[in-house]
Amino acid sequence: MGFRIAYRNRKYRLEKNLFFNEYLVYKKFYKKDEELTIFDVGAHVGQSSEQFHKHFPRSKIHAFEPGRDNFSELLRNLGEKDWAVINNLAVGKYEQVSEMYLTGALSTGNSLVKPQDDDSIYERHEVEITTLDIYCANQGISSIDILKIDTQGYEQECLAGAVKLLEQAKVSILKLEVMLHEAYDKRTSFYAIEQYLLGNGYILFDIPWMKKSSRERRTLVMDVIYLHTSMLDEMHNR
């Protein structure tokens, strides 16, 4: 939740800025007591998973975190929670083993994409990668209600490994981080993501958060929420 300074009735007030609350979008479609299947891809140390649980306490949350230090902290935070399934895995286009670049202890900037600045690499180690299609098939999961992907420039590969889920409209709400600046060797293409999701029946519903740089005069990163068109049909028919 963010805040903004508003001027009303000749006074300055500090107000909650709903622009930063993605959970209002989810609550538009789901009730608190529903038993949802939620995926937290790029779970870091469990912050998002805990927020999802707070808003949807009866849901099962599958958290994925490949970074060694981050996973240890994630396990410490959520390992004994019966609502959480913790996976020391990365998600991508193929099942494989790949090198991960760490940018610091418990960093949110760890990625399977090499940072442009070699000096920012704190450590590197191999991680196991699965795909969302394979994971769901192995776990007997037929659909995902909310899929959150925050993988520091690796989002397109995550989507490419969810071909069946997306083509069959088995993901209802999809939240992605889109990086627009050149922090990593491979730049995220928002156009490619948009084209891919549009082709599978998903539309951009909201941009709940973005980070801008006053020095660079540009948007660096933003969160986007896509819905399958069937979700909109349900909303309009209520």
C-alpha atoms as a PDB file:
ATOM      1  CA  MET A   1       0.000   0.000   0.000  1.00  0.00           C
ATOM      2  CA  GLY A   2       1.385   3.444  -0.933  1.00  0.00           C
ATOM      3  CA  PHE A   3       0.495   6.952   0.134  1.00  0.00           C
ATOM      4  CA  ARG A   4       0.065  10.294  -1.576  1.00  0.00           C
ATOM      5  CA  ILE A   5      -0.171  13.912  -0.426  1.00  0.00           C
ATOM      6  CA  ALA A   6      -3.536  15.400  -1.383  1.00  0.00           C
ATOM      7  CA  TYR A   7      -4.704  19.003  -1.024  1.00  0.00           C
ATOM      8  CA  ARG A   8      -8.344  19.211   0.057  1.00  0.00           C
ATOM      9  CA  ASN A   9     -10.280  22.007   1.723  1.00  0.00           C
ATOM     10  CA  ARG A  10      -7.149  24.135   1.931  1.00  0.00           C
ATOM     11  CA  LYS A  11      -5.297  21.448   3.866  1.00  0.00           C
ATOM     12  CA  TYR A  12      -2.671  18.882   2.952  1.00  0.00           C
ATOM     13  CA  ARG A  13      -3.592  15.297   3.825  1.00  0.00           C
ATOM     14  CA  LEU A  14      -1.720  12.015   3.666  1.00  0.00           C
ATOM     15  CA  GLU A  15      -3.992   9.534   1.882  1.00  0.00           C
ATOM     16  CA  LYS A  16      -3.678   5.879   0.989  1.00  0.00           C
ATOM     17  CA  ASN A  17      -2.970   5.534  -2.702  1.00  0.00           C
ATOM     18  CA  LEU A  18      -5.047   2.648  -4.034  1.00  0.00           C
ATOM     19  CA  PHE A  19      -2.909   2.656  -7.168  1.00  0.00           C
ATOM     20  CA  PHE A  20      -0.445   0.500  -5.236  1.00  0.00           C
ATOM     21  CA  ASN A  21      -2.891  -2.133  -3.979  1.00  0.00           C
ATOM     22  CA  GLU A  22      -3.057  -5.043  -6.425  1.00  0.00           C
ATOM     23  CA  TYR A  23      -5.173  -7.057  -3.988  1.00  0.00           C
ATOM     24  CA  LEU A  24      -8.154  -4.827  -4.713  1.00  0.00           C
ATOM     25  CA  VAL A  25      -8.064  -6.255  -8.234  1.00  0.00           C
ATOM     26  CA  TYR A  26      -8.049  -9.839  -6.990  1.00  0.00           C
ATOM     27  CA  LYS A  27     -10.870  -9.112  -4.549  1.00  0.00           C
ATOM     28  CA  LYS A  28     -12.962  -7.854  -7.424  1.00  0.00           C
ATOM     29  CA  PHE A  29     -13.120 -11.450  -8.664  1.00  0.00           C
ATOM     30  CA  TYR A  30     -12.577 -13.629  -5.600  1.00  0.00           C
ATOM     31  CA  LYS A  31     -14.060 -13.732  -2.122  1.00  0.00           C
ATOM     32  CA  LYS A  32     -11.893 -14.023   0.979  1.00  0.00           C
ATOM     33  CA  ASP A  33     -13.143 -17.492   1.907  1.00  0.00           C
ATOM     34  CA  GLU A  34     -12.598 -19.082  -1.520  1.00  0.00           C
ATOM     35  CA  GLU A  35     -10.129 -21.953  -1.801  1.00  0.00           C
ATOM     36  CA  LEU A  36      -7.886 -20.667  -4.550  1.00  0.00           C
ATOM     37  CA  THR A  37      -4.772 -22.102  -6.162  1.00  0.00           C
ATOM     38  CA  ILE A  38      -2.133 -19.381  -6.200  1.00  0.00           C
ATOM     39  CA  PHE A  39       1.380 -19.566  -7.662  1.00  0.00           C
ATOM     40  CA  ASP A  40       4.137 -17.249  -6.413  1.00  0.00           C
ATOM     41  CA  VAL A  41       6.956 -17.581  -8.956  1.00  0.00           C
ATOM     42  CA  GLY A  42       9.987 -15.697  -7.715  1.00  0.00           C
ATOM     43  CA  ALA A  43       8.825 -15.857  -4.110  1.00  0.00           C
ATOM     44  CA  HIS A  44      11.995 -14.317  -2.609  1.00  0.00           C
ATOM     45  CA  VAL A  45      11.541 -14.837   1.156  1.00  0.00           C
ATOM     46  CA  GLY A  46       7.747 -15.179   1.115  1.00  0.00           C
ATOM     47  CA  GLN A  47       6.414 -11.615   1.325  1.00  0.00           C
ATOM     48  CA  SER A  48       3.906 -12.003  -1.509  1.00  0.00           C
ATOM     49  CA  SER A  49       2.872 -15.482  -0.379  1.00  0.00           C
ATOM     50  CA  GLU A  50       2.085 -14.145   3.076  1.00  0.00           C
ATOM     51  CA  GLN A  51       0.041 -11.306   1.593  1.00  0.00           C
ATOM     52  CA  PHE A  52      -1.895 -13.724  -0.586  1.00  0.00           C
ATOM     53  CA  HIS A  53      -2.594 -15.841   2.501  1.00  0.00           C
ATOM     54  CA  LYS A  54      -3.722 -12.773   4.452  1.00  0.00           C
ATOM     55  CA  HIS A  55      -6.293 -11.885   1.793  1.00  0.00           C
ATOM     56  CA  PHE A  56      -7.271 -15.467   0.847  1.00  0.00           C
ATOM     57  CA  PRO A  57      -6.554 -17.572   3.960  1.00  0.00           C
ATOM     58  CA  ARG A  58      -8.166 -20.774   2.668  1.00  0.00           C
ATOM     59  CA  SER A  59      -6.041 -20.884  -0.470  1.00  0.00           C
ATOM     60  CA  LYS A  60      -3.102 -23.143  -1.312  1.00  0.00           C
ATOM     61  CA  ILE A  61      -0.020 -21.200  -2.336  1.00  0.00           C
ATOM     62  CA  HIS A  62       2.798 -22.754  -4.362  1.00  0.00           C
ATOM     63  CA  ALA A  63       5.992 -20.724  -3.918  1.00  0.00           C
ATOM     64  CA  PHE A  64       9.042 -21.055  -6.191  1.00  0.00           C
ATOM     65  CA  GLU A  65      12.445 -19.668  -5.243  1.00  0.00           C
ATOM     66  CA  PRO A  66      15.721 -21.010  -6.711  1.00  0.00           C
ATOM     67  CA  GLY A  67      18.219 -18.695  -5.006  1.00  0.00           C
ATOM     68  CA  ARG A  68      20.127 -20.536  -2.285  1.00  0.00           C
ATOM     69  CA  ASP A  69      20.029 -17.889   0.459  1.00  0.00           C
ATOM     70  CA  ASN A  70      16.552 -16.673  -0.439  1.00  0.00           C
ATOM     71  CA  PHE A  71      15.181 -20.207  -0.343  1.00  0.00           C
ATOM     72  CA  SER A  72      16.675 -20.842   3.099  1.00  0.00           C
ATOM     73  CA  GLU A  73      14.900 -17.745   4.395  1.00  0.00           C
ATOM     74  CA  LEU A  74      11.698 -18.686   2.556  1.00  0.00           C
ATOM     75  CA  LEU A  75      11.810 -22.126   4.177  1.00  0.00           C
ATOM     76  CA  ARG A  76      12.333 -20.523   7.567  1.00  0.00           C
ATOM     77  CA  ASN A  77       9.336 -18.220   7.043  1.00  0.00           C
ATOM     78  CA  LEU A  78       6.854 -20.578   5.381  1.00  0.00           C
ATOM     79  CA  GLY A  79       8.216 -24.101   5.759  1.00  0.00           C
ATOM     80  CA  GLU A  80       5.807 -25.057   8.537  1.00  0.00           C
ATOM     81  CA  LYS A  81       2.726 -23.386   7.050  1.00  0.00           C
ATOM     82  CA  ASP A  82       0.153 -25.957   5.925  1.00  0.00           C
ATOM     83  CA  TRP A  83      -1.145 -23.552   3.271  1.00  0.00           C
ATOM     84  CA  ALA A  84       2.221 -23.236   1.522  1.00  0.00           C
ATOM     85  CA  VAL A  85       4.038 -25.589  -0.858  1.00  0.00           C
ATOM     86  CA  ILE A  86       7.692 -24.524  -1.012  1.00  0.00           C
ATOM     87  CA  ASN A  87       9.775 -25.340  -4.095  1.00  0.00           C
ATOM     88  CA  ASN A  88      13.505 -24.782  -4.441  1.00  0.00           C
ATOM     89  CA  LEU A  89      13.048 -24.428  -8.188  1.00  0.00           C
ATOM     90  CA  ALA A  90      13.226 -21.857 -10.940  1.00  0.00           C
ATOM     91  CA  VAL A  91      10.505 -21.720 -13.591  1.00  0.00           C
ATOM     92  CA  GLY A  92      11.239 -21.418 -17.292  1.00  0.00           C
ATOM     93  CA  LYS A  93      10.593 -22.686 -20.811  1.00  0.00           C
ATOM     94  CA  TYR A  94      12.276 -26.097 -20.400  1.00  0.00           C
ATOM     95  CA  GLU A  95      13.245 -28.535 -17.697  1.00  0.00           C
ATOM     96  CA  GLN A  96      16.981 -28.030 -17.311  1.00  0.00           C
ATOM     97  CA  VAL A  97      19.801 -26.940 -15.040  1.00  0.00           C
ATOM     98  CA  SER A  98      21.074 -23.400 -15.522  1.00  0.00           C
ATOM     99  CA  GLU A  99      23.277 -20.815 -13.849  1.00  0.00           C
ATOM    100  CA  MET A 100      21.694 -18.178 -11.634  1.00  0.00           C
ATOM    101  CA  TYR A 101      23.279 -14.793 -10.960  1.00  0.00           C
ATOM    102  CA  LEU A 102      22.966 -13.471  -7.411  1.00  0.00           C
ATOM    103  CA  THR A 103      23.295  -9.736  -6.826  1.00  0.00           C
ATOM    104  CA  GLY A 104      23.516  -9.882  -3.035  1.00  0.00           C
ATOM    105  CA  ALA A 105      22.561 -11.762   0.104  1.00  0.00           C
ATOM    106  CA  LEU A 106      18.744 -12.116   0.136  1.00  0.00           C
ATOM    107  CA  SER A 107      18.622  -9.873  -2.950  1.00  0.00           C
ATOM    108  CA  THR A 108      15.459  -9.294  -4.990  1.00  0.00           C
ATOM    109  CA  GLY A 109      17.647  -8.781  -8.064  1.00  0.00           C
ATOM    110  CA  ASN A 110      18.775 -12.391  -8.528  1.00  0.00           C
ATOM    111  CA  SER A 111      18.111 -13.645 -12.040  1.00  0.00           C
ATOM    112  CA  LEU A 112      18.722 -16.354 -14.602  1.00  0.00           C
ATOM    113  CA  VAL A 113      19.561 -13.483 -16.949  1.00  0.00           C
ATOM    114  CA  LYS A 114      23.101 -12.128 -16.575  1.00  0.00           C
ATOM    115  CA  PRO A 115      23.306  -8.574 -15.207  1.00  0.00           C
ATOM    116  CA  GLN A 116      24.957  -6.066 -17.511  1.00  0.00           C
ATOM    117  CA  ASP A 117      27.215  -4.874 -14.723  1.00  0.00           C
ATOM    118  CA  ASP A 118      29.622  -7.702 -13.896  1.00  0.00           C
ATOM    119  CA  ASP A 119      30.574  -5.951 -10.650  1.00  0.00           C
ATOM    120  CA  SER A 120      27.002  -6.376  -9.401  1.00  0.00           C
ATOM    121  CA  ILE A 121      27.315 -10.185  -9.417  1.00  0.00           C
ATOM    122  CA  TYR A 122      27.687 -11.299  -5.804  1.00  0.00           C
ATOM    123  CA  GLU A 123      27.689 -15.037  -6.497  1.00  0.00           C
ATOM    124  CA  ARG A 124      26.482 -17.556  -9.054  1.00  0.00           C
ATOM    125  CA  HIS A 125      25.303 -21.136  -8.736  1.00  0.00           C
ATOM    126  CA  GLU A 126      23.381 -23.754 -10.678  1.00  0.00           C
ATOM    127  CA  VAL A 127      19.626 -24.101 -10.188  1.00  0.00           C
ATOM    128  CA  GLU A 128      17.050 -26.598 -11.334  1.00  0.00           C
ATOM    129  CA  ILE A 129      14.369 -25.289 -13.691  1.00  0.00           C
ATOM    130  CA  THR A 130      10.904 -26.728 -14.211  1.00  0.00           C
ATOM    131  CA  THR A 131       8.005 -25.516 -16.335  1.00  0.00           C
ATOM    132  CA  LEU A 132       4.561 -24.579 -15.113  1.00  0.00           C
ATOM    133  CA  ASP A 133       2.961 -27.113 -17.445  1.00  0.00           C
ATOM    134  CA  ILE A 134       5.122 -29.959 -16.115  1.00  0.00           C
ATOM    135  CA  TYR A 135       4.785 -28.911 -12.487  1.00  0.00           C
ATOM    136  CA  CYS A 136       0.986 -28.747 -12.691  1.00  0.00           C
ATOM    137  CA  ALA A 137       0.811 -32.112 -14.456  1.00  0.00           C
ATOM    138  CA  ASN A 138       3.020 -33.710 -11.795  1.00  0.00           C
ATOM    139  CA  GLN A 139       1.052 -32.156  -8.933  1.00  0.00           C
ATOM    140  CA  GLY A 140      -2.374 -32.887 -10.409  1.00  0.00           C
ATOM    141  CA  ILE A 141      -3.224 -29.189 -10.616  1.00  0.00           C
ATOM    142  CA  SER A 142      -5.812 -28.493 -13.312  1.00  0.00           C
ATOM    143  CA  SER A 143      -5.935 -24.693 -13.074  1.00  0.00           C
ATOM    144  CA  ILE A 144      -4.366 -21.645 -11.403  1.00  0.00           C
ATOM    145  CA  ASP A 145      -6.535 -18.833 -10.068  1.00  0.00           C
ATOM    146  CA  ILE A 146      -3.737 -16.291  -9.580  1.00  0.00           C
ATOM    147  CA  LEU A 147      -0.280 -16.618 -11.128  1.00  0.00           C
ATOM    148  CA  LYS A 148       2.322 -14.086  -9.988  1.00  0.00           C
ATOM    149  CA  ILE A 149       5.669 -14.034 -11.843  1.00  0.00           C
ATOM    150  CA  ASP A 150       8.551 -11.829 -10.704  1.00  0.00           C
ATOM    151  CA  THR A 151      11.764 -13.271 -12.114  1.00  0.00           C
ATOM    152  CA  GLN A 152      13.896 -10.250 -13.021  1.00  0.00           C
ATOM    153  CA  GLY A 153      13.734 -10.367 -16.805  1.00  0.00           C
ATOM    154  CA  TYR A 154      12.927 -14.089 -17.118  1.00  0.00           C
ATOM    155  CA  GLU A 155       9.152 -13.653 -17.324  1.00  0.00           C
ATOM    156  CA  GLN A 156       8.853 -14.498 -21.037  1.00  0.00           C
ATOM    157  CA  GLU A 157      10.542 -17.857 -20.484  1.00  0.00           C
ATOM    158  CA  CYS A 158       8.169 -18.605 -17.605  1.00  0.00           C
ATOM    159  CA  LEU A 159       5.193 -17.926 -19.870  1.00  0.00           C
ATOM    160  CA  ALA A 160       6.683 -20.053 -22.638  1.00  0.00           C
ATOM    161  CA  GLY A 161       6.700 -23.004 -20.240  1.00  0.00           C
ATOM    162  CA  ALA A 162       2.988 -22.553 -19.537  1.00  0.00           C
ATOM    163  CA  VAL A 163       1.766 -23.108 -23.098  1.00  0.00           C
ATOM    164  CA  LYS A 164      -0.926 -25.646 -22.265  1.00  0.00           C
ATOM    165  CA  LEU A 165      -2.174 -23.746 -19.226  1.00  0.00           C
ATOM    166  CA  LEU A 166      -2.513 -20.508 -21.160  1.00  0.00           C
ATOM    167  CA  GLU A 167      -3.877 -21.967 -24.388  1.00  0.00           C
ATOM    168  CA  GLN A 168      -6.561 -23.826 -22.417  1.00  0.00           C
ATOM    169  CA  ALA A 169      -7.375 -20.761 -20.277  1.00  0.00           C
ATOM    170  CA  LYS A 170      -6.352 -22.577 -17.100  1.00  0.00           C
ATOM    171  CA  VAL A 171      -4.851 -19.410 -15.601  1.00  0.00           C
ATOM    172  CA  SER A 172      -7.482 -16.864 -14.602  1.00  0.00           C
ATOM    173  CA  ILE A 173      -5.423 -13.896 -13.362  1.00  0.00           C
ATOM    174  CA  LEU A 174      -1.791 -13.288 -14.229  1.00  0.00           C
ATOM    175  CA  LYS A 175       0.457 -10.708 -12.593  1.00  0.00           C
ATOM    176  CA  LEU A 176       3.863 -10.005 -14.145  1.00  0.00           C
ATOM    177  CA  GLU A 177       6.775  -7.733 -13.467  1.00  0.00           C
ATOM    178  CA  VAL A 178       7.984  -6.057 -16.667  1.00  0.00           C
ATOM    179  CA  MET A 179      11.459  -4.526 -16.652  1.00  0.00           C
ATOM    180  CA  LEU A 180      11.872  -1.722 -19.159  1.00  0.00           C
ATOM    181  CA  HIS A 181      15.443  -0.675 -18.411  1.00  0.00           C
ATOM    182  CA  GLU A 182      18.720  -2.335 -19.338  1.00  0.00           C
ATOM    183  CA  ALA A 183      19.737  -3.940 -16.047  1.00  0.00           C
ATOM    184  CA  TYR A 184      20.293  -7.366 -17.619  1.00  0.00           C
ATOM    185  CA  ASP A 185      21.830  -8.647 -20.841  1.00  0.00           C
ATOM    186  CA  LYS A 186      18.427  -9.626 -22.209  1.00  0.00           C
ATOM    187  CA  ARG A 187      15.793  -6.899 -22.133  1.00  0.00           C
ATOM    188  CA  THR A 188      12.163  -7.793 -21.495  1.00  0.00           C
ATOM    189  CA  SER A 189       9.880  -7.080 -24.449  1.00  0.00           C
ATOM    190  CA  PHE A 190       6.546  -5.788 -23.196  1.00  0.00           C
ATOM    191  CA  TYR A 191       5.315  -5.947 -26.795  1.00  0.00           C
ATOM    192  CA  ALA A 192       6.170  -9.661 -27.049  1.00  0.00           C
ATOM    193  CA  ILE A 193       4.440 -10.400 -23.737  1.00  0.00           C
ATOM    194  CA  GLU A 194       1.366  -8.452 -24.815  1.00  0.00           C
ATOM    195  CA  GLN A 195       1.172 -10.201 -28.188  1.00  0.00           C
ATOM    196  CA  TYR A 196       1.608 -13.636 -26.640  1.00  0.00           C
ATOM    197  CA  LEU A 197      -1.046 -13.129 -23.998  1.00  0.00           C
ATOM    198  CA  LEU A 198      -3.511 -11.425 -26.345  1.00  0.00           C
ATOM    199  CA  GLY A 199      -3.181 -14.400 -28.672  1.00  0.00           C
ATOM    200  CA  ASN A 200      -4.265 -16.669 -25.823  1.00  0.00           C
ATOM    201  CA  GLY A 201      -7.308 -14.637 -24.820  1.00  0.00           C
ATOM    202  CA  TYR A 202      -5.779 -12.476 -22.072  1.00  0.00           C
ATOM    203  CA  ILE A 203      -6.158  -8.718 -21.829  1.00  0.00           C
ATOM    204  CA  LEU A 204      -4.277  -6.098 -19.850  1.00  0.00           C
ATOM    205  CA  PHE A 205      -6.547  -5.165 -16.935  1.00  0.00           C
ATOM    206  CA  ASP A 206      -4.405  -2.992 -14.684  1.00  0.00           C
ATOM    207  CA  ILE A 207      -0.952  -1.538 -14.005  1.00  0.00           C
ATOM    208  CA  PRO A 208      -1.009  -1.437 -10.192  1.00  0.00           C
ATOM    209  CA  TRP A 209       2.572  -0.290  -9.660  1.00  0.00           C
ATOM    210  CA  MET A 210       5.488   1.276 -11.486  1.00  0.00           C
ATOM    211  CA  LYS A 211       8.882   2.637 -10.594  1.00  0.00           C
ATOM    212  CA  LYS A 212      10.163   5.744 -12.330  1.00  0.00           C
ATOM    213  CA  SER A 213      13.592   7.331 -12.369  1.00  0.00           C
ATOM    214  CA  SER A 214      13.740  11.112 -12.049  1.00  0.00           C
ATOM    215  CA  ARG A 215      17.367  11.005 -13.147  1.00  0.00           C
ATOM    216  CA  GLU A 216      16.754   8.933 -16.266  1.00  0.00           C
ATOM    217  CA  ARG A 217      13.313  10.481 -16.974  1.00  0.00           C
ATOM    218  CA  ARG A 218      11.757   7.096 -17.644  1.00  0.00           C
ATOM    219  CA  THR A 219       9.802   4.172 -16.205  1.00  0.00           C
ATOM    220  CA  LEU A 220      12.178   1.435 -15.062  1.00  0.00           C
ATOM    221  CA  VAL A 221       9.826  -1.351 -14.076  1.00  0.00           C
ATOM    222  CA  MET A 222       6.104  -1.952 -13.699  1.00  0.00           C
ATOM    223  CA  ASP A 223       3.693  -4.611 -12.536  1.00  0.00           C
ATOM    224  CA  VAL A 224       0.923  -5.586 -14.947  1.00  0.00           C
ATOM    225  CA  ILE A 225      -2.195  -7.666 -14.353  1.00  0.00           C
ATOM    226  CA  TYR A 226      -3.800  -9.683 -17.149  1.00  0.00           C
ATOM    227  CA  LEU A 227      -7.165 -11.400 -17.043  1.00  0.00           C
ATOM    228  CA  HIS A 228      -8.555 -14.076 -19.257  1.00  0.00           C
ATOM    229  CA  THR A 229     -11.576 -12.714 -21.103  1.00  0.00           C
ATOM    230  CA  SER A 230     -13.783 -15.294 -19.390  1.00  0.00           C
ATOM    231  CA  MET A 231     -13.143 -13.460 -16.112  1.00  0.00           C
ATOM    232  CA  LEU A 232     -14.482 -10.245 -17.611  1.00  0.00           C
ATOM    233  CA  ASP A 233     -17.525 -12.062 -18.910  1.00  0.00           C
ATOM    234  CA  GLU A 234     -18.220 -13.330 -15.382  1.00  0.00           C
ATOM    235  CA  MET A 235     -17.794  -9.820 -13.965  1.00  0.00           C
ATOM    236  CA  HIS A 236     -20.181  -8.279 -16.499  1.00  0.00           C
ATOM    237  CA  ASN A 237     -22.786 -10.994 -15.932  1.00  0.00           C
ATOM    238  CA  ARG A 238     -22.957 -10.471 -12.177  1.00  0.00           C
END
